[in-house]
Amino acid sequence: MSVCVACNKPLEVEIEPDEEEEYETGASSSSKAPAAALETYPDDVQLTCGCHFHWDCLLSAYEIASCPNCSKNITTTSSGTEQVLCTLTNEGGIQENLDILPLLTEESYLKAFPGDRKARAFLEFCREGDYKAVIDMLLDDNVDEDDEDEDEEGDVEMGSTDGPAKEVGIDRMLRYQDPIGDMQSGLHAAVQAQSRELAWLLLLLASNLPLLEFPTQVFQEAESLGIMRGLTEDKVDIRSLRDANGKSAEDIAKEIGGVWVGWTGNERLAI
């Protein structure tokens, strides 16, 4: 078997089985079956230069444009777009000519700026239009200390309307712009995902759009979740953010049309 050029170990990985598989069928609730053995799967990233890596080993050693082992150029260009192609073999099978440059770029960025991991996860949920996941992040009590320090001056207020609102360090997350993704904001992403529900939520929490402009059901939903708008006058209005192409969320909405008909031209998505 070939080995990883970085750690010189076989190109495989051991993974713990799912928890439900750790119990024998029909076993009593008071007795556990012996711990299940680790399952072994292939873990092989073969670059175009011929070098093989474990995925984690490649992430740890990755250098832009060149193989971290032999220093050969591993980038190619297709239709003007740079790629890093590989043959990936894992538990899902074999994938040939897979472009892993976006993943490598993402991981390299997070290695340099680990404090942005939560904000990037939030933005990815916005891109997917995953309203529930965004809500879960906003309600997450486990705020990183770094986020608390950065956002201690005026955070979005969140908490039950029956008691004192709790300040959560999410101000920066709400207004984060992706430096490796055309400076897209969460509102840009929500518009592209055609999620009006998510757009309303972001406007409620991170814009100065007058509260009278919001439908009653938006307030009812926010109240049921324990979410309230904090002070926004001294903060960047999310509607003013522009991507690397100089486009606001409203500009993108105009291009998409459809669900955004009636949203543009009235300062709902732009100021």
C-alpha atoms as a PDB file:
ATOM      1  CA  MET A   1       0.000   0.000   0.000  1.00  0.00           C
ATOM      2  CA  SER A   2       1.188   3.521  -0.818  1.00  0.00           C
ATOM      3  CA  VAL A   3       1.934   5.822   2.078  1.00  0.00           C
ATOM      4  CA  CYS A   4       1.389   9.507   2.721  1.00  0.00           C
ATOM      5  CA  VAL A   5       4.484  11.474   1.739  1.00  0.00           C
ATOM      6  CA  ALA A   6       3.980  13.798   4.708  1.00  0.00           C
ATOM      7  CA  CYS A   7       3.705  11.303   7.582  1.00  0.00           C
ATOM      8  CA  ASN A   8       4.870   8.077   5.904  1.00  0.00           C
ATOM      9  CA  LYS A   9       1.800   6.193   7.168  1.00  0.00           C
ATOM     10  CA  PRO A  10      -0.663   4.071   5.141  1.00  0.00           C
ATOM     11  CA  LEU A  11      -3.266   6.030   3.197  1.00  0.00           C
ATOM     12  CA  GLU A  12      -6.199   5.141   5.387  1.00  0.00           C
ATOM     13  CA  VAL A  13      -8.066   6.537   8.360  1.00  0.00           C
ATOM     14  CA  GLU A  14      -9.815   4.923  11.320  1.00  0.00           C
ATOM     15  CA  ILE A  15     -13.287   6.200  12.153  1.00  0.00           C
ATOM     16  CA  GLU A  16     -15.477   5.398  15.124  1.00  0.00           C
ATOM     17  CA  PRO A  17     -18.812   3.769  14.182  1.00  0.00           C
ATOM     18  CA  ASP A  18     -22.073   5.571  14.783  1.00  0.00           C
ATOM     19  CA  GLU A  19     -23.202   5.569  18.401  1.00  0.00           C
ATOM     20  CA  GLU A  20     -26.329   3.557  17.648  1.00  0.00           C
ATOM     21  CA  GLU A  21     -24.132   0.799  16.266  1.00  0.00           C
ATOM     22  CA  GLU A  22     -22.295   0.485  19.576  1.00  0.00           C
ATOM     23  CA  TYR A  23     -25.205  -1.395  21.122  1.00  0.00           C
ATOM     24  CA  GLU A  24     -26.178  -4.934  20.216  1.00  0.00           C
ATOM     25  CA  THR A  25     -29.650  -5.377  18.812  1.00  0.00           C
ATOM     26  CA  GLY A  26     -32.005  -6.416  21.596  1.00  0.00           C
ATOM     27  CA  ALA A  27     -29.554  -5.609  24.409  1.00  0.00           C
ATOM     28  CA  SER A  28     -31.121  -4.391  27.638  1.00  0.00           C
ATOM     29  CA  SER A  29     -31.035  -0.670  28.358  1.00  0.00           C
ATOM     30  CA  SER A  30     -28.850  -1.282  31.411  1.00  0.00           C
ATOM     31  CA  SER A  31     -26.088  -3.175  29.649  1.00  0.00           C
ATOM     32  CA  LYS A  32     -23.770  -1.942  26.940  1.00  0.00           C
ATOM     33  CA  ALA A  33     -22.175  -4.092  24.313  1.00  0.00           C
ATOM     34  CA  PRO A  34     -18.385  -4.079  24.097  1.00  0.00           C
ATOM     35  CA  ALA A  35     -16.991  -1.016  22.379  1.00  0.00           C
ATOM     36  CA  ALA A  36     -17.129  -1.477  18.623  1.00  0.00           C
ATOM     37  CA  ALA A  37     -13.845  -1.656  16.759  1.00  0.00           C
ATOM     38  CA  LEU A  38     -12.737   1.336  14.716  1.00  0.00           C
ATOM     39  CA  GLU A  39     -13.619   1.129  11.040  1.00  0.00           C
ATOM     40  CA  THR A  40     -10.897   1.690   8.458  1.00  0.00           C
ATOM     41  CA  TYR A  41     -11.470   3.641   5.258  1.00  0.00           C
ATOM     42  CA  PRO A  42      -9.149   4.815   2.478  1.00  0.00           C
ATOM     43  CA  ASP A  43      -7.858   8.383   2.789  1.00  0.00           C
ATOM     44  CA  ASP A  44      -5.820   9.213  -0.290  1.00  0.00           C
ATOM     45  CA  VAL A  45      -5.387  12.535  -2.094  1.00  0.00           C
ATOM     46  CA  GLN A  46      -3.233  12.009  -5.193  1.00  0.00           C
ATOM     47  CA  LEU A  47      -2.067  15.279  -6.720  1.00  0.00           C
ATOM     48  CA  THR A  48      -1.199  15.729 -10.388  1.00  0.00           C
ATOM     49  CA  CYS A  49       2.504  15.564  -9.517  1.00  0.00           C
ATOM     50  CA  GLY A  50       1.999  11.969  -8.332  1.00  0.00           C
ATOM     51  CA  CYS A  51       2.400  12.609  -4.596  1.00  0.00           C
ATOM     52  CA  HIS A  52      -0.100  11.035  -2.195  1.00  0.00           C
ATOM     53  CA  PHE A  53      -1.342  12.666   1.021  1.00  0.00           C
ATOM     54  CA  HIS A  54      -3.840  12.086   3.765  1.00  0.00           C
ATOM     55  CA  TRP A  55      -6.414  14.878   3.517  1.00  0.00           C
ATOM     56  CA  ASP A  56      -5.455  16.339   6.911  1.00  0.00           C
ATOM     57  CA  CYS A  57      -1.757  16.071   6.104  1.00  0.00           C
ATOM     58  CA  LEU A  58      -2.279  18.000   2.874  1.00  0.00           C
ATOM     59  CA  LEU A  59      -4.204  20.716   4.699  1.00  0.00           C
ATOM     60  CA  SER A  60      -1.431  21.032   7.279  1.00  0.00           C
ATOM     61  CA  ALA A  61       1.332  21.316   4.683  1.00  0.00           C
ATOM     62  CA  TYR A  62      -0.480  22.988   1.787  1.00  0.00           C
ATOM     63  CA  GLU A  63       1.314  25.717  -0.129  1.00  0.00           C
ATOM     64  CA  ILE A  64      -0.378  27.805  -2.780  1.00  0.00           C
ATOM     65  CA  ALA A  65       0.287  26.551  -6.323  1.00  0.00           C
ATOM     66  CA  SER A  66       2.943  23.940  -5.471  1.00  0.00           C
ATOM     67  CA  CYS A  67       3.084  20.474  -3.950  1.00  0.00           C
ATOM     68  CA  PRO A  68       4.399  20.708  -0.379  1.00  0.00           C
ATOM     69  CA  ASN A  69       6.448  17.559  -0.970  1.00  0.00           C
ATOM     70  CA  CYS A  70       8.068  17.845  -4.408  1.00  0.00           C
ATOM     71  CA  SER A  71       7.441  21.585  -5.045  1.00  0.00           C
ATOM     72  CA  LYS A  72       6.019  20.928  -8.520  1.00  0.00           C
ATOM     73  CA  ASN A  73       3.280  23.247  -9.761  1.00  0.00           C
ATOM     74  CA  ILE A  74      -0.082  21.538  -9.159  1.00  0.00           C
ATOM     75  CA  THR A  75      -2.404  24.201 -10.580  1.00  0.00           C
ATOM     76  CA  THR A  76      -4.151  24.109 -13.922  1.00  0.00           C
ATOM     77  CA  THR A  77      -6.403  26.617 -15.656  1.00  0.00           C
ATOM     78  CA  SER A  78      -9.813  25.860 -17.149  1.00  0.00           C
ATOM     79  CA  SER A  79     -11.955  28.566 -18.785  1.00  0.00           C
ATOM     80  CA  GLY A  80      -9.819  31.182 -17.072  1.00  0.00           C
ATOM     81  CA  THR A  81     -10.313  29.623 -13.625  1.00  0.00           C
ATOM     82  CA  GLU A  82      -7.403  28.243 -11.637  1.00  0.00           C
ATOM     83  CA  GLN A  83      -7.817  24.706 -10.300  1.00  0.00           C
ATOM     84  CA  VAL A  84      -5.982  22.129  -8.206  1.00  0.00           C
ATOM     85  CA  LEU A  85      -7.095  18.767  -9.539  1.00  0.00           C
ATOM     86  CA  CYS A  86      -6.607  15.488  -7.734  1.00  0.00           C
ATOM     87  CA  THR A  87      -7.818  11.911  -7.505  1.00  0.00           C
ATOM     88  CA  LEU A  88      -9.580  11.560  -4.158  1.00  0.00           C
ATOM     89  CA  THR A  89     -10.174   8.139  -2.644  1.00  0.00           C
ATOM     90  CA  ASN A  90     -12.167   7.927   0.581  1.00  0.00           C
ATOM     91  CA  GLU A  91     -15.166   6.127   2.083  1.00  0.00           C
ATOM     92  CA  GLY A  92     -17.329   7.522  -0.726  1.00  0.00           C
ATOM     93  CA  GLY A  93     -15.264   5.861  -3.450  1.00  0.00           C
ATOM     94  CA  ILE A  94     -12.927   7.349  -6.071  1.00  0.00           C
ATOM     95  CA  GLN A  95     -13.361  10.819  -7.549  1.00  0.00           C
ATOM     96  CA  GLU A  96     -11.081  11.741 -10.436  1.00  0.00           C
ATOM     97  CA  ASN A  97     -10.214  15.256 -11.610  1.00  0.00           C
ATOM     98  CA  LEU A  98     -11.728  16.763  -8.476  1.00  0.00           C
ATOM     99  CA  ASP A  99     -10.980  20.467  -7.997  1.00  0.00           C
ATOM    100  CA  ILE A 100      -9.993  20.948  -4.345  1.00  0.00           C
ATOM    101  CA  LEU A 101      -8.656  24.504  -4.675  1.00  0.00           C
ATOM    102  CA  PRO A 102     -11.763  26.084  -3.055  1.00  0.00           C
ATOM    103  CA  LEU A 103     -11.408  23.788  -0.022  1.00  0.00           C
ATOM    104  CA  LEU A 104      -7.658  24.327   0.219  1.00  0.00           C
ATOM    105  CA  THR A 105      -8.105  28.094  -0.042  1.00  0.00           C
ATOM    106  CA  GLU A 106     -10.759  28.025   2.677  1.00  0.00           C
ATOM    107  CA  GLU A 107      -8.628  25.941   5.034  1.00  0.00           C
ATOM    108  CA  SER A 108      -5.529  28.024   4.376  1.00  0.00           C
ATOM    109  CA  TYR A 109      -7.493  31.172   5.202  1.00  0.00           C
ATOM    110  CA  LEU A 110      -8.848  29.668   8.422  1.00  0.00           C
ATOM    111  CA  LYS A 111      -5.367  28.548   9.399  1.00  0.00           C
ATOM    112  CA  ALA A 112      -4.232  32.177   9.132  1.00  0.00           C
ATOM    113  CA  PHE A 113      -7.416  33.636  10.656  1.00  0.00           C
ATOM    114  CA  PRO A 114      -8.918  30.996  12.968  1.00  0.00           C
ATOM    115  CA  GLY A 115     -11.113  33.602  14.641  1.00  0.00           C
ATOM    116  CA  ASP A 116     -13.170  33.886  11.441  1.00  0.00           C
ATOM    117  CA  ARG A 117     -14.318  30.257  11.512  1.00  0.00           C
ATOM    118  CA  LYS A 118     -17.659  30.998  13.176  1.00  0.00           C
ATOM    119  CA  ALA A 119     -18.388  33.957  10.904  1.00  0.00           C
ATOM    120  CA  ARG A 120     -17.623  31.878   7.828  1.00  0.00           C
ATOM    121  CA  ALA A 121     -19.907  29.089   9.026  1.00  0.00           C
ATOM    122  CA  PHE A 122     -22.654  31.680   9.506  1.00  0.00           C
ATOM    123  CA  LEU A 123     -22.098  33.026   5.992  1.00  0.00           C
ATOM    124  CA  GLU A 124     -22.194  29.525   4.507  1.00  0.00           C
ATOM    125  CA  PHE A 125     -25.592  28.915   6.125  1.00  0.00           C
ATOM    126  CA  CYS A 126     -26.764  32.195   4.583  1.00  0.00           C
ATOM    127  CA  ARG A 127     -25.564  30.995   1.168  1.00  0.00           C
ATOM    128  CA  GLU A 128     -27.583  27.827   1.623  1.00  0.00           C
ATOM    129  CA  GLY A 129     -30.629  29.802   2.728  1.00  0.00           C
ATOM    130  CA  ASP A 130     -30.655  27.648   5.866  1.00  0.00           C
ATOM    131  CA  TYR A 131     -32.827  29.805   8.101  1.00  0.00           C
ATOM    132  CA  LYS A 132     -32.937  27.289  10.959  1.00  0.00           C
ATOM    133  CA  ALA A 133     -29.154  26.904  11.077  1.00  0.00           C
ATOM    134  CA  VAL A 134     -28.706  30.690  11.100  1.00  0.00           C
ATOM    135  CA  ILE A 135     -31.167  30.979  13.983  1.00  0.00           C
ATOM    136  CA  ASP A 136     -29.343  28.251  15.883  1.00  0.00           C
ATOM    137  CA  MET A 137     -26.059  30.147  15.518  1.00  0.00           C
ATOM    138  CA  LEU A 138     -27.650  33.390  16.642  1.00  0.00           C
ATOM    139  CA  LEU A 139     -29.071  31.691  19.710  1.00  0.00           C
ATOM    140  CA  ASP A 140     -25.874  29.808  20.504  1.00  0.00           C
ATOM    141  CA  ASP A 141     -24.730  30.655  24.005  1.00  0.00           C
ATOM    142  CA  ASN A 142     -21.219  29.368  23.397  1.00  0.00           C
ATOM    143  CA  VAL A 143     -19.683  32.591  22.109  1.00  0.00           C
ATOM    144  CA  ASP A 144     -15.919  32.554  21.645  1.00  0.00           C
ATOM    145  CA  GLU A 145     -13.996  34.788  24.007  1.00  0.00           C
ATOM    146  CA  ASP A 146     -12.384  36.519  21.047  1.00  0.00           C
ATOM    147  CA  ASP A 147     -15.817  37.383  19.649  1.00  0.00           C
ATOM    148  CA  GLU A 148     -16.901  38.707  23.026  1.00  0.00           C
ATOM    149  CA  ASP A 149     -13.860  40.981  23.195  1.00  0.00           C
ATOM    150  CA  GLU A 150     -14.313  42.276  19.673  1.00  0.00           C
ATOM    151  CA  ASP A 151     -18.037  42.885  20.029  1.00  0.00           C
ATOM    152  CA  GLU A 152     -18.287  44.104  23.581  1.00  0.00           C
ATOM    153  CA  GLU A 153     -19.286  47.594  22.424  1.00  0.00           C
ATOM    154  CA  GLY A 154     -22.962  47.143  21.548  1.00  0.00           C
ATOM    155  CA  ASP A 155     -24.052  43.689  20.484  1.00  0.00           C
ATOM    156  CA  VAL A 156     -27.335  42.538  19.050  1.00  0.00           C
ATOM    157  CA  GLU A 157     -29.740  41.973  21.908  1.00  0.00           C
ATOM    158  CA  MET A 158     -31.203  38.509  22.129  1.00  0.00           C
ATOM    159  CA  GLY A 159     -33.237  36.925  24.865  1.00  0.00           C
ATOM    160  CA  SER A 160     -36.701  36.250  26.156  1.00  0.00           C
ATOM    161  CA  THR A 161     -39.062  39.187  26.076  1.00  0.00           C
ATOM    162  CA  ASP A 162     -40.160  38.112  29.562  1.00  0.00           C
ATOM    163  CA  GLY A 163     -36.793  38.960  31.077  1.00  0.00           C
ATOM    164  CA  PRO A 164     -33.592  40.936  30.516  1.00  0.00           C
ATOM    165  CA  ALA A 165     -32.160  40.607  27.033  1.00  0.00           C
ATOM    166  CA  LYS A 166     -28.815  38.850  26.787  1.00  0.00           C
ATOM    167  CA  GLU A 167     -26.010  40.373  24.766  1.00  0.00           C
ATOM    168  CA  VAL A 168     -24.349  37.943  22.384  1.00  0.00           C
ATOM    169  CA  GLY A 169     -21.135  38.623  20.463  1.00  0.00           C
ATOM    170  CA  ILE A 170     -22.623  38.293  16.983  1.00  0.00           C
ATOM    171  CA  ASP A 171     -22.318  41.840  15.681  1.00  0.00           C
ATOM    172  CA  ARG A 172     -19.235  41.118  13.619  1.00  0.00           C
ATOM    173  CA  MET A 173     -20.682  37.815  12.405  1.00  0.00           C
ATOM    174  CA  LEU A 174     -23.798  39.524  11.061  1.00  0.00           C
ATOM    175  CA  ARG A 175     -21.751  42.026   9.044  1.00  0.00           C
ATOM    176  CA  TYR A 176     -18.903  39.723   8.027  1.00  0.00           C
ATOM    177  CA  GLN A 177     -17.760  39.998   4.399  1.00  0.00           C
ATOM    178  CA  ASP A 178     -15.961  37.094   2.751  1.00  0.00           C
ATOM    179  CA  PRO A 179     -12.434  38.151   1.688  1.00  0.00           C
ATOM    180  CA  ILE A 180     -11.994  34.989  -0.409  1.00  0.00           C
ATOM    181  CA  GLY A 181     -15.549  35.006  -1.765  1.00  0.00           C
ATOM    182  CA  ASP A 182     -15.932  38.364  -3.538  1.00  0.00           C
ATOM    183  CA  MET A 183     -16.553  40.203  -0.243  1.00  0.00           C
ATOM    184  CA  GLN A 184     -20.060  38.794  -0.064  1.00  0.00           C
ATOM    185  CA  SER A 185     -22.100  39.559   3.068  1.00  0.00           C
ATOM    186  CA  GLY A 186     -24.839  37.509   4.670  1.00  0.00           C
ATOM    187  CA  LEU A 187     -27.474  39.719   3.029  1.00  0.00           C
ATOM    188  CA  HIS A 188     -25.883  39.208  -0.402  1.00  0.00           C
ATOM    189  CA  ALA A 189     -25.934  35.467   0.271  1.00  0.00           C
ATOM    190  CA  ALA A 190     -29.555  35.454   1.462  1.00  0.00           C
ATOM    191  CA  VAL A 191     -30.637  37.333  -1.667  1.00  0.00           C
ATOM    192  CA  GLN A 192     -28.787  34.896  -3.927  1.00  0.00           C
ATOM    193  CA  ALA A 193     -30.357  31.992  -2.027  1.00  0.00           C
ATOM    194  CA  GLN A 194     -33.756  33.651  -2.675  1.00  0.00           C
ATOM    195  CA  SER A 195     -34.634  33.396   1.010  1.00  0.00           C
ATOM    196  CA  ARG A 196     -36.928  36.278   1.952  1.00  0.00           C
ATOM    197  CA  GLU A 197     -37.318  34.849   5.458  1.00  0.00           C
ATOM    198  CA  LEU A 198     -33.572  35.035   6.020  1.00  0.00           C
ATOM    199  CA  ALA A 199     -33.347  38.487   4.435  1.00  0.00           C
ATOM    200  CA  TRP A 200     -36.016  39.804   6.830  1.00  0.00           C
ATOM    201  CA  LEU A 201     -34.083  38.384   9.781  1.00  0.00           C
ATOM    202  CA  LEU A 202     -30.814  40.027   8.731  1.00  0.00           C
ATOM    203  CA  LEU A 203     -32.551  43.331   8.073  1.00  0.00           C
ATOM    204  CA  LEU A 204     -34.144  43.184  11.509  1.00  0.00           C
ATOM    205  CA  LEU A 205     -30.849  42.553  13.285  1.00  0.00           C
ATOM    206  CA  ALA A 206     -28.282  44.436  11.205  1.00  0.00           C
ATOM    207  CA  SER A 207     -29.947  47.346   9.417  1.00  0.00           C
ATOM    208  CA  ASN A 208     -31.604  50.655  10.211  1.00  0.00           C
ATOM    209  CA  LEU A 209     -34.672  49.836   8.150  1.00  0.00           C
ATOM    210  CA  PRO A 210     -37.580  51.437  10.070  1.00  0.00           C
ATOM    211  CA  LEU A 211     -39.419  48.879  12.161  1.00  0.00           C
ATOM    212  CA  LEU A 212     -42.711  49.994  10.631  1.00  0.00           C
ATOM    213  CA  GLU A 213     -41.487  48.506   7.332  1.00  0.00           C
ATOM    214  CA  PHE A 214     -41.474  44.978   8.767  1.00  0.00           C
ATOM    215  CA  PRO A 215     -44.550  42.737   8.473  1.00  0.00           C
ATOM    216  CA  THR A 216     -46.221  41.790  11.748  1.00  0.00           C
ATOM    217  CA  GLN A 217     -45.356  38.118  11.283  1.00  0.00           C
ATOM    218  CA  VAL A 218     -41.646  38.962  11.229  1.00  0.00           C
ATOM    219  CA  PHE A 219     -41.922  40.477  14.702  1.00  0.00           C
ATOM    220  CA  GLN A 220     -44.023  37.573  15.924  1.00  0.00           C
ATOM    221  CA  GLU A 221     -41.450  35.069  14.722  1.00  0.00           C
ATOM    222  CA  ALA A 222     -38.578  37.051  16.236  1.00  0.00           C
ATOM    223  CA  GLU A 223     -40.409  37.380  19.545  1.00  0.00           C
ATOM    224  CA  SER A 224     -41.095  33.650  19.678  1.00  0.00           C
ATOM    225  CA  LEU A 225     -37.375  33.008  19.249  1.00  0.00           C
ATOM    226  CA  GLY A 226     -36.340  35.616  21.798  1.00  0.00           C
ATOM    227  CA  ILE A 227     -34.657  37.875  19.234  1.00  0.00           C
ATOM    228  CA  MET A 228     -34.777  41.664  19.359  1.00  0.00           C
ATOM    229  CA  ARG A 229     -33.018  44.463  17.526  1.00  0.00           C
ATOM    230  CA  GLY A 230     -30.342  46.206  19.574  1.00  0.00           C
ATOM    231  CA  LEU A 231     -28.933  49.654  18.931  1.00  0.00           C
ATOM    232  CA  THR A 232     -27.971  49.894  15.245  1.00  0.00           C
ATOM    233  CA  GLU A 233     -27.563  53.619  14.614  1.00  0.00           C
ATOM    234  CA  ASP A 234     -23.832  53.569  15.396  1.00  0.00           C
ATOM    235  CA  LYS A 235     -23.134  50.447  13.362  1.00  0.00           C
ATOM    236  CA  VAL A 236     -22.683  49.667   9.692  1.00  0.00           C
ATOM    237  CA  ASP A 237     -26.049  49.104   8.040  1.00  0.00           C
ATOM    238  CA  ILE A 238     -25.837  45.719   6.314  1.00  0.00           C
ATOM    239  CA  ARG A 239     -27.680  47.177   3.312  1.00  0.00           C
ATOM    240  CA  SER A 240     -24.722  49.481   2.590  1.00  0.00           C
ATOM    241  CA  LEU A 241     -22.220  46.643   2.176  1.00  0.00           C
ATOM    242  CA  ARG A 242     -20.951  46.053  -1.345  1.00  0.00           C
ATOM    243  CA  ASP A 243     -19.189  43.032  -2.748  1.00  0.00           C
ATOM    244  CA  ALA A 244     -15.906  43.002  -4.668  1.00  0.00           C
ATOM    245  CA  ASN A 245     -17.810  43.939  -7.832  1.00  0.00           C
ATOM    246  CA  GLY A 246     -19.321  46.997  -6.161  1.00  0.00           C
ATOM    247  CA  LYS A 247     -22.791  45.449  -5.977  1.00  0.00           C
ATOM    248  CA  SER A 248     -25.179  45.838  -3.066  1.00  0.00           C
ATOM    249  CA  ALA A 249     -27.691  43.165  -2.078  1.00  0.00           C
ATOM    250  CA  GLU A 250     -30.333  45.201  -3.916  1.00  0.00           C
ATOM    251  CA  ASP A 251     -28.274  45.157  -7.121  1.00  0.00           C
ATOM    252  CA  ILE A 252     -28.234  41.360  -6.961  1.00  0.00           C
ATOM    253  CA  ALA A 253     -31.970  41.262  -6.198  1.00  0.00           C
ATOM    254  CA  LYS A 254     -32.657  43.340  -9.317  1.00  0.00           C
ATOM    255  CA  GLU A 255     -30.674  40.855 -11.412  1.00  0.00           C
ATOM    256  CA  ILE A 256     -32.464  37.841  -9.937  1.00  0.00           C
ATOM    257  CA  GLY A 257     -36.002  39.249  -9.967  1.00  0.00           C
ATOM    258  CA  GLY A 258     -38.629  36.656  -9.131  1.00  0.00           C
ATOM    259  CA  VAL A 259     -39.092  36.536  -5.346  1.00  0.00           C
ATOM    260  CA  TRP A 260     -37.547  39.998  -5.054  1.00  0.00           C
ATOM    261  CA  VAL A 261     -40.155  41.793  -7.156  1.00  0.00           C
ATOM    262  CA  GLY A 262     -41.473  44.581  -4.949  1.00  0.00           C
ATOM    263  CA  TRP A 263     -38.416  44.528  -2.688  1.00  0.00           C
ATOM    264  CA  THR A 264     -36.217  46.820  -4.762  1.00  0.00           C
ATOM    265  CA  GLY A 265     -36.472  50.554  -5.250  1.00  0.00           C
ATOM    266  CA  ASN A 266     -37.982  51.307  -1.829  1.00  0.00           C
ATOM    267  CA  GLU A 267     -34.830  51.231   0.372  1.00  0.00           C
ATOM    268  CA  ARG A 268     -35.726  47.811   1.752  1.00  0.00           C
ATOM    269  CA  LEU A 269     -32.484  46.240   0.494  1.00  0.00           C
ATOM    270  CA  ALA A 270     -30.441  49.393  -0.050  1.00  0.00           C
ATOM    271  CA  ILE A 271     -29.920  52.798   1.504  1.00  0.00           C
END
